[in-house]
Each structure stands twice: as C-alpha cells, then as structure tokens.
PDB file of N, CA and C in Angstrom:
ATOM      1  N   UNK A   1      28.164 -10.796  -4.091  1.00  0.00           N
ATOM      2  CA  UNK A   1      29.031 -11.907  -3.762  1.00  0.00           C
ATOM      3  C   UNK A   1      29.047 -12.966  -4.866  1.00  0.00           C
ATOM      4  N   UNK A   2      28.024 -12.967  -5.682  1.00  0.00           N
ATOM      5  CA  UNK A   2      27.965 -13.936  -6.782  1.00  0.00           C
ATOM      6  C   UNK A   2      29.179 -13.808  -7.701  1.00  0.00           C
ATOM      7  N   UNK A   3      29.603 -12.578  -7.963  1.00  0.00           N
ATOM      8  CA  UNK A   3      30.750 -12.371  -8.844  1.00  0.00           C
ATOM      9  C   UNK A   3      32.026 -12.925  -8.212  1.00  0.00           C
ATOM     10  N   UNK A   4      32.164 -12.795  -6.885  1.00  0.00           N
ATOM     11  CA  UNK A   4      33.320 -13.350  -6.182  1.00  0.00           C
ATOM     12  C   UNK A   4      33.343 -14.870  -6.358  1.00  0.00           C
ATOM     13  N   UNK A   5      32.201 -15.509  -6.181  1.00  0.00           N
ATOM     14  CA  UNK A   5      32.108 -16.960  -6.337  1.00  0.00           C
ATOM     15  C   UNK A   5      32.436 -17.363  -7.771  1.00  0.00           C
ATOM     16  N   UNK A   6      31.967 -16.574  -8.725  1.00  0.00           N
ATOM     17  CA  UNK A   6      32.252 -16.848 -10.138  1.00  0.00           C
ATOM     18  C   UNK A   6      33.755 -16.756 -10.419  1.00  0.00           C
ATOM     19  N   UNK A   7      34.400 -15.718  -9.894  1.00  0.00           N
ATOM     20  CA  UNK A   7      35.848 -15.551 -10.088  1.00  0.00           C
ATOM     21  C   UNK A   7      36.594 -16.731  -9.468  1.00  0.00           C
ATOM     22  N   UNK A   8      36.222 -17.103  -8.243  1.00  0.00           N
ATOM     23  CA  UNK A   8      36.861 -18.240  -7.575  1.00  0.00           C
ATOM     24  C   UNK A   8      36.653 -19.532  -8.355  1.00  0.00           C
ATOM     25  N   UNK A   9      35.457 -19.740  -8.872  1.00  0.00           N
ATOM     26  CA  UNK A   9      35.147 -20.953  -9.631  1.00  0.00           C
ATOM     27  C   UNK A   9      35.935 -21.015 -10.931  1.00  0.00           C
ATOM     28  N   UNK A  10      36.210 -19.855 -11.517  1.00  0.00           N
ATOM     29  CA  UNK A  10      37.044 -19.816 -12.721  1.00  0.00           C
ATOM     30  C   UNK A  10      38.480 -20.238 -12.394  1.00  0.00           C
ATOM     31  N   UNK A  11      38.930 -19.921 -11.182  1.00  0.00           N
ATOM     32  CA  UNK A  11      40.285 -20.300 -10.761  1.00  0.00           C
ATOM     33  C   UNK A  11      40.402 -21.792 -10.512  1.00  0.00           C
ATOM     34  N   UNK A  12      39.396 -22.348  -9.844  1.00  0.00           N
ATOM     35  CA  UNK A  12      39.461 -23.738  -9.403  1.00  0.00           C
ATOM     36  C   UNK A  12      38.067 -24.334  -9.502  1.00  0.00           C
ATOM     37  N   UNK A  13      37.851 -25.176 -10.480  1.00  0.00           N
ATOM     38  CA  UNK A  13      36.527 -25.775 -10.645  1.00  0.00           C
ATOM     39  C   UNK A  13      36.336 -26.927  -9.662  1.00  0.00           C
ATOM     40  N   UNK A  14      35.104 -27.280  -9.432  1.00  0.00           N
ATOM     41  CA  UNK A  14      34.785 -28.409  -8.586  1.00  0.00           C
ATOM     42  C   UNK A  14      34.765 -28.120  -7.095  1.00  0.00           C
ATOM     43  N   UNK A  15      34.859 -26.838  -6.724  1.00  0.00           N
ATOM     44  CA  UNK A  15      34.821 -26.454  -5.312  1.00  0.00           C
ATOM     45  C   UNK A  15      33.562 -25.626  -5.079  1.00  0.00           C
ATOM     46  N   UNK A  16      32.836 -25.922  -4.023  1.00  0.00           N
ATOM     47  CA  UNK A  16      31.652 -25.135  -3.667  1.00  0.00           C
ATOM     48  C   UNK A  16      32.093 -23.911  -2.875  1.00  0.00           C
ATOM     49  N   UNK A  17      32.499 -22.872  -3.598  1.00  0.00           N
ATOM     50  CA  UNK A  17      33.019 -21.669  -2.946  1.00  0.00           C
ATOM     51  C   UNK A  17      31.954 -20.901  -2.171  1.00  0.00           C
ATOM     52  N   UNK A  18      30.691 -21.165  -2.448  1.00  0.00           N
ATOM     53  CA  UNK A  18      29.615 -20.491  -1.707  1.00  0.00           C
ATOM     54  C   UNK A  18      29.654 -20.875  -0.233  1.00  0.00           C
ATOM     55  N   UNK A  19      30.114 -22.088   0.067  1.00  0.00           N
ATOM     56  CA  UNK A  19      30.149 -22.527   1.466  1.00  0.00           C
ATOM     57  C   UNK A  19      31.548 -22.897   1.952  1.00  0.00           C
ATOM     58  N   UNK A  20      32.530 -22.885   1.066  1.00  0.00           N
ATOM     59  CA  UNK A  20      33.889 -23.288   1.443  1.00  0.00           C
ATOM     60  C   UNK A  20      34.516 -22.303   2.421  1.00  0.00           C
ATOM     61  N   UNK A  21      35.153 -22.846   3.433  1.00  0.00           N
ATOM     62  CA  UNK A  21      35.893 -22.057   4.420  1.00  0.00           C
ATOM     63  C   UNK A  21      37.354 -22.487   4.357  1.00  0.00           C
ATOM     64  N   UNK A  22      38.251 -21.592   4.731  1.00  0.00           N
ATOM     65  CA  UNK A  22      39.668 -21.946   4.777  1.00  0.00           C
ATOM     66  C   UNK A  22      40.270 -22.210   3.414  1.00  0.00           C
ATOM     67  N   UNK A  23      39.835 -21.483   2.403  1.00  0.00           N
ATOM     68  CA  UNK A  23      40.300 -21.779   1.045  1.00  0.00           C
ATOM     69  C   UNK A  23      41.789 -21.480   0.846  1.00  0.00           C
ATOM     70  N   UNK A  24      42.338 -20.580   1.644  1.00  0.00           N
ATOM     71  CA  UNK A  24      43.785 -20.341   1.610  1.00  0.00           C
ATOM     72  C   UNK A  24      44.467 -21.233   2.643  1.00  0.00           C
ATOM     73  N   UNK A  25      43.966 -21.210   3.859  1.00  0.00           N
ATOM     74  CA  UNK A  25      44.551 -21.980   4.958  1.00  0.00           C
ATOM     75  C   UNK A  25      44.638 -23.466   4.619  1.00  0.00           C
ATOM     76  N   UNK A  26      43.609 -23.987   3.975  1.00  0.00           N
ATOM     77  CA  UNK A  26      43.573 -25.404   3.616  1.00  0.00           C
ATOM     78  C   UNK A  26      44.126 -25.683   2.217  1.00  0.00           C
ATOM     79  N   UNK A  27      44.742 -24.677   1.628  1.00  0.00           N
ATOM     80  CA  UNK A  27      45.430 -24.790   0.333  1.00  0.00           C
ATOM     81  C   UNK A  27      44.525 -25.241  -0.813  1.00  0.00           C
ATOM     82  N   UNK A  28      43.272 -24.798  -0.759  1.00  0.00           N
ATOM     83  CA  UNK A  28      42.363 -25.049  -1.883  1.00  0.00           C
ATOM     84  C   UNK A  28      42.804 -24.197  -3.071  1.00  0.00           C
ATOM     85  N   UNK A  29      43.246 -22.964  -2.762  1.00  0.00           N
ATOM     86  CA  UNK A  29      43.877 -22.133  -3.781  1.00  0.00           C
ATOM     87  C   UNK A  29      45.297 -21.834  -3.316  1.00  0.00           C
ATOM     88  N   UNK A  30      46.212 -21.668  -4.284  1.00  0.00           N
ATOM     89  CA  UNK A  30      47.610 -21.422  -3.947  1.00  0.00           C
ATOM     90  C   UNK A  30      47.992 -19.969  -4.225  1.00  0.00           C
ATOM     91  N   UNK A  31      49.253 -19.652  -4.049  1.00  0.00           N
ATOM     92  CA  UNK A  31      49.702 -18.260  -4.183  1.00  0.00           C
ATOM     93  C   UNK A  31      49.496 -17.709  -5.588  1.00  0.00           C
ATOM     94  N   UNK A  32      49.647 -18.543  -6.593  1.00  0.00           N
ATOM     95  CA  UNK A  32      49.415 -18.089  -7.973  1.00  0.00           C
ATOM     96  C   UNK A  32      47.930 -17.782  -8.168  1.00  0.00           C
ATOM     97  N   UNK A  33      47.076 -18.646  -7.622  1.00  0.00           N
ATOM     98  CA  UNK A  33      45.627 -18.398  -7.681  1.00  0.00           C
ATOM     99  C   UNK A  33      45.275 -17.092  -6.972  1.00  0.00           C
ATOM    100  N   UNK A  34      45.913 -16.844  -5.832  1.00  0.00           N
ATOM    101  CA  UNK A  34      45.634 -15.619  -5.070  1.00  0.00           C
ATOM    102  C   UNK A  34      46.022 -14.391  -5.878  1.00  0.00           C
ATOM    103  N   UNK A  35      47.172 -14.436  -6.533  1.00  0.00           N
ATOM    104  CA  UNK A  35      47.602 -13.310  -7.371  1.00  0.00           C
ATOM    105  C   UNK A  35      46.598 -13.064  -8.497  1.00  0.00           C
ATOM    106  N   UNK A  36      46.130 -14.146  -9.119  1.00  0.00           N
ATOM    107  CA  UNK A  36      45.129 -14.035 -10.185  1.00  0.00           C
ATOM    108  C   UNK A  36      43.812 -13.498  -9.625  1.00  0.00           C
ATOM    109  N   UNK A  37      43.438 -13.990  -8.457  1.00  0.00           N
ATOM    110  CA  UNK A  37      42.210 -13.548  -7.788  1.00  0.00           C
ATOM    111  C   UNK A  37      42.258 -12.053  -7.494  1.00  0.00           C
ATOM    112  N   UNK A  38      43.363 -11.589  -6.940  1.00  0.00           N
ATOM    113  CA  UNK A  38      43.516 -10.162  -6.613  1.00  0.00           C
ATOM    114  C   UNK A  38      43.374  -9.317  -7.867  1.00  0.00           C
ATOM    115  N   UNK A  39      44.038  -9.726  -8.927  1.00  0.00           N
ATOM    116  CA  UNK A  39      43.956  -8.992 -10.194  1.00  0.00           C
ATOM    117  C   UNK A  39      42.520  -8.946 -10.713  1.00  0.00           C
ATOM    118  N   UNK A  40      41.823 -10.065 -10.665  1.00  0.00           N
ATOM    119  CA  UNK A  40      40.438 -10.135 -11.149  1.00  0.00           C
ATOM    120  C   UNK A  40      39.513  -9.271 -10.299  1.00  0.00           C
ATOM    121  N   UNK A  41      39.706  -9.292  -8.988  1.00  0.00           N
ATOM    122  CA  UNK A  41      38.872  -8.477  -8.095  1.00  0.00           C
ATOM    123  C   UNK A  41      39.117  -6.997  -8.344  1.00  0.00           C
ATOM    124  N   UNK A  42      40.385  -6.615  -8.467  1.00  0.00           N
ATOM    125  CA  UNK A  42      40.698  -5.202  -8.709  1.00  0.00           C
ATOM    126  C   UNK A  42      40.077  -4.710 -10.015  1.00  0.00           C
ATOM    127  N   UNK A  43      40.142  -5.551 -11.036  1.00  0.00           N
ATOM    128  CA  UNK A  43      39.569  -5.176 -12.334  1.00  0.00           C
ATOM    129  C   UNK A  43      38.042  -5.140 -12.296  1.00  0.00           C
ATOM    130  N   UNK A  44      37.428  -6.164 -11.735  1.00  0.00           N
ATOM    131  CA  UNK A  44      35.965  -6.287 -11.705  1.00  0.00           C
ATOM    132  C   UNK A  44      35.307  -5.194 -10.864  1.00  0.00           C
ATOM    133  N   UNK A  45      35.886  -4.894  -9.710  1.00  0.00           N
ATOM    134  CA  UNK A  45      35.249  -3.973  -8.769  1.00  0.00           C
ATOM    135  C   UNK A  45      35.897  -2.587  -8.737  1.00  0.00           C
ATOM    136  N   UNK A  46      36.917  -2.372  -9.582  1.00  0.00           N
ATOM    137  CA  UNK A  46      37.614  -1.093  -9.662  1.00  0.00           C
ATOM    138  C   UNK A  46      38.105  -0.641  -8.283  1.00  0.00           C
ATOM    139  N   UNK A  47      38.824  -1.546  -7.622  1.00  0.00           N
ATOM    140  CA  UNK A  47      39.414  -1.268  -6.312  1.00  0.00           C
ATOM    141  C   UNK A  47      40.896  -1.618  -6.372  1.00  0.00           C
ATOM    142  N   UNK A  48      41.636  -1.163  -5.370  1.00  0.00           N
ATOM    143  CA  UNK A  48      43.038  -1.545  -5.246  1.00  0.00           C
ATOM    144  C   UNK A  48      43.216  -2.211  -3.887  1.00  0.00           C
ATOM    145  N   UNK A  49      43.706  -3.439  -3.913  1.00  0.00           N
ATOM    146  CA  UNK A  49      43.913  -4.200  -2.682  1.00  0.00           C
ATOM    147  C   UNK A  49      45.346  -3.943  -2.216  1.00  0.00           C
ATOM    148  N   UNK A  50      45.476  -3.104  -1.191  1.00  0.00           N
ATOM    149  CA  UNK A  50      46.786  -2.734  -0.666  1.00  0.00           C
ATOM    150  C   UNK A  50      47.374  -3.807   0.224  1.00  0.00           C
ATOM    151  N   UNK A  51      48.623  -3.610   0.585  1.00  0.00           N
ATOM    152  CA  UNK A  51      49.346  -4.579   1.413  1.00  0.00           C
ATOM    153  C   UNK A  51      48.657  -4.832   2.754  1.00  0.00           C
ATOM    154  N   UNK A  52      47.965  -3.830   3.275  1.00  0.00           N
ATOM    155  CA  UNK A  52      47.301  -4.001   4.571  1.00  0.00           C
ATOM    156  C   UNK A  52      46.198  -5.064   4.526  1.00  0.00           C
ATOM    157  N   UNK A  53      45.770  -5.449   3.319  1.00  0.00           N
ATOM    158  CA  UNK A  53      44.729  -6.474   3.169  1.00  0.00           C
ATOM    159  C   UNK A  53      45.310  -7.856   2.871  1.00  0.00           C
ATOM    160  N   UNK A  54      46.619  -7.943   2.733  1.00  0.00           N
ATOM    161  CA  UNK A  54      47.263  -9.212   2.393  1.00  0.00           C
ATOM    162  C   UNK A  54      47.389 -10.103   3.633  1.00  0.00           C
ATOM    163  N   UNK A  55      46.274 -10.644   4.022  1.00  0.00           N
ATOM    164  CA  UNK A  55      46.194 -11.512   5.187  1.00  0.00           C
ATOM    165  C   UNK A  55      45.260 -12.665   4.815  1.00  0.00           C
ATOM    166  N   UNK A  56      45.641 -13.875   5.176  1.00  0.00           N
ATOM    167  CA  UNK A  56      44.818 -15.041   4.820  1.00  0.00           C
ATOM    168  C   UNK A  56      43.360 -14.876   5.206  1.00  0.00           C
ATOM    169  N   UNK A  57      43.090 -14.227   6.345  1.00  0.00           N
ATOM    170  CA  UNK A  57      41.704 -14.096   6.807  1.00  0.00           C
ATOM    171  C   UNK A  57      40.835 -13.341   5.801  1.00  0.00           C
ATOM    172  N   UNK A  58      41.433 -12.473   4.994  1.00  0.00           N
ATOM    173  CA  UNK A  58      40.671 -11.722   3.994  1.00  0.00           C
ATOM    174  C   UNK A  58      40.368 -12.543   2.743  1.00  0.00           C
ATOM    175  N   UNK A  59      41.012 -13.699   2.605  1.00  0.00           N
ATOM    176  CA  UNK A  59      40.860 -14.519   1.397  1.00  0.00           C
ATOM    177  C   UNK A  59      40.417 -15.945   1.698  1.00  0.00           C
ATOM    178  N   UNK A  60      40.058 -16.240   2.950  1.00  0.00           N
ATOM    179  CA  UNK A  60      39.781 -17.615   3.346  1.00  0.00           C
ATOM    180  C   UNK A  60      38.371 -18.107   3.015  1.00  0.00           C
ATOM    181  N   UNK A  61      37.510 -17.223   2.551  1.00  0.00           N
ATOM    182  CA  UNK A  61      36.169 -17.635   2.104  1.00  0.00           C
ATOM    183  C   UNK A  61      35.625 -16.571   1.165  1.00  0.00           C
ATOM    184  N   UNK A  62      34.620 -16.954   0.391  1.00  0.00           N
ATOM    185  CA  UNK A  62      33.993 -15.979  -0.508  1.00  0.00           C
ATOM    186  C   UNK A  62      33.391 -14.829   0.302  1.00  0.00           C
ATOM    187  N   UNK A  63      32.823 -15.150   1.461  1.00  0.00           N
ATOM    188  CA  UNK A  63      32.228 -14.115   2.309  1.00  0.00           C
ATOM    189  C   UNK A  63      33.281 -13.135   2.809  1.00  0.00           C
ATOM    190  N   UNK A  64      34.448 -13.646   3.207  1.00  0.00           N
ATOM    191  CA  UNK A  64      35.525 -12.770   3.683  1.00  0.00           C
ATOM    192  C   UNK A  64      36.041 -11.876   2.549  1.00  0.00           C
ATOM    193  N   UNK A  65      36.156 -12.445   1.370  1.00  0.00           N
ATOM    194  CA  UNK A  65      36.599 -11.660   0.214  1.00  0.00           C
ATOM    195  C   UNK A  65      35.570 -10.571  -0.085  1.00  0.00           C
ATOM    196  N   UNK A  66      34.290 -10.924  -0.057  1.00  0.00           N
ATOM    197  CA  UNK A  66      33.226  -9.965  -0.328  1.00  0.00           C
ATOM    198  C   UNK A  66      33.232  -8.827   0.698  1.00  0.00           C
ATOM    199  N   UNK A  67      33.440  -9.175   1.968  1.00  0.00           N
ATOM    200  CA  UNK A  67      33.538  -8.139   3.019  1.00  0.00           C
ATOM    201  C   UNK A  67      34.665  -7.166   2.717  1.00  0.00           C
ATOM    202  N   UNK A  68      35.819  -7.704   2.326  1.00  0.00           N
ATOM    203  CA  UNK A  68      36.966  -6.864   2.000  1.00  0.00           C
ATOM    204  C   UNK A  68      36.652  -5.953   0.813  1.00  0.00           C
ATOM    205  N   UNK A  69      36.034  -6.516  -0.222  1.00  0.00           N
ATOM    206  CA  UNK A  69      35.697  -5.724  -1.410  1.00  0.00           C
ATOM    207  C   UNK A  69      34.739  -4.606  -1.053  1.00  0.00           C
ATOM    208  N   UNK A  70      33.726  -4.914  -0.244  1.00  0.00           N
ATOM    209  CA  UNK A  70      32.769  -3.879   0.169  1.00  0.00           C
ATOM    210  C   UNK A  70      33.480  -2.764   0.922  1.00  0.00           C
ATOM    211  N   UNK A  71      34.399  -3.115   1.800  1.00  0.00           N
ATOM    212  CA  UNK A  71      35.156  -2.115   2.550  1.00  0.00           C
ATOM    213  C   UNK A  71      35.992  -1.259   1.599  1.00  0.00           C
ATOM    214  N   UNK A  72      36.615  -1.892   0.618  1.00  0.00           N
ATOM    215  CA  UNK A  72      37.423  -1.158  -0.355  1.00  0.00           C
ATOM    216  C   UNK A  72      36.580  -0.221  -1.215  1.00  0.00           C
ATOM    217  N   UNK A  73      35.375  -0.644  -1.549  1.00  0.00           N
ATOM    218  CA  UNK A  73      34.500   0.189  -2.386  1.00  0.00           C
ATOM    219  C   UNK A  73      33.980   1.413  -1.622  1.00  0.00           C
ATOM    220  N   UNK A  74      33.981   1.338  -0.289  1.00  0.00           N
ATOM    221  CA  UNK A  74      33.524   2.477   0.526  1.00  0.00           C
ATOM    222  C   UNK A  74      34.567   3.587   0.577  1.00  0.00           C
ATOM    223  N   UNK A  75      35.835   3.224   0.388  1.00  0.00           N
ATOM    224  CA  UNK A  75      36.909   4.224   0.469  1.00  0.00           C
ATOM    225  C   UNK A  75      36.886   5.191  -0.684  1.00  0.00           C
TER     226      UNK A  75
END
C-alpha cells in the first residue's frame, strides 16, 4: 500500500493519503488525477483496470485502491 500512497502523493501534495477518506467523493483528486492514477497503477503493478472497476468506491481511499489492486493481481 505504500506505493499507492506514494503515487497519490505525487498527484496531490499536502494530503495525508494514508488516512484520507472520500478522496474522489470530496474532490481531493479530480478526473484528470484519476486518469493519471489509473495509468500509474497499471504501470506499477502490471494490471489492467477495466470498466467494471470504474466506481468512486474503488478510488475513495488508499486502502480501497490497494484492495482493488490486490484483486486485480489475483486474476
């Protein structure tokens, strides 16, 4: 999960992503950030994030993103 926090921190500095909740819902990151985040996650973890994962709940915290990545790596 450390790498997820690092990627998020590169997108938006000054946010404690380790404990932040609602990062999409509360507009801490925007749609451009999400596109960049998806690209970085796919490259870093060698996964493909399909349309079925395009839901705010999968991107609303570092923990939720990490859960999604772990699920993708199992496939």
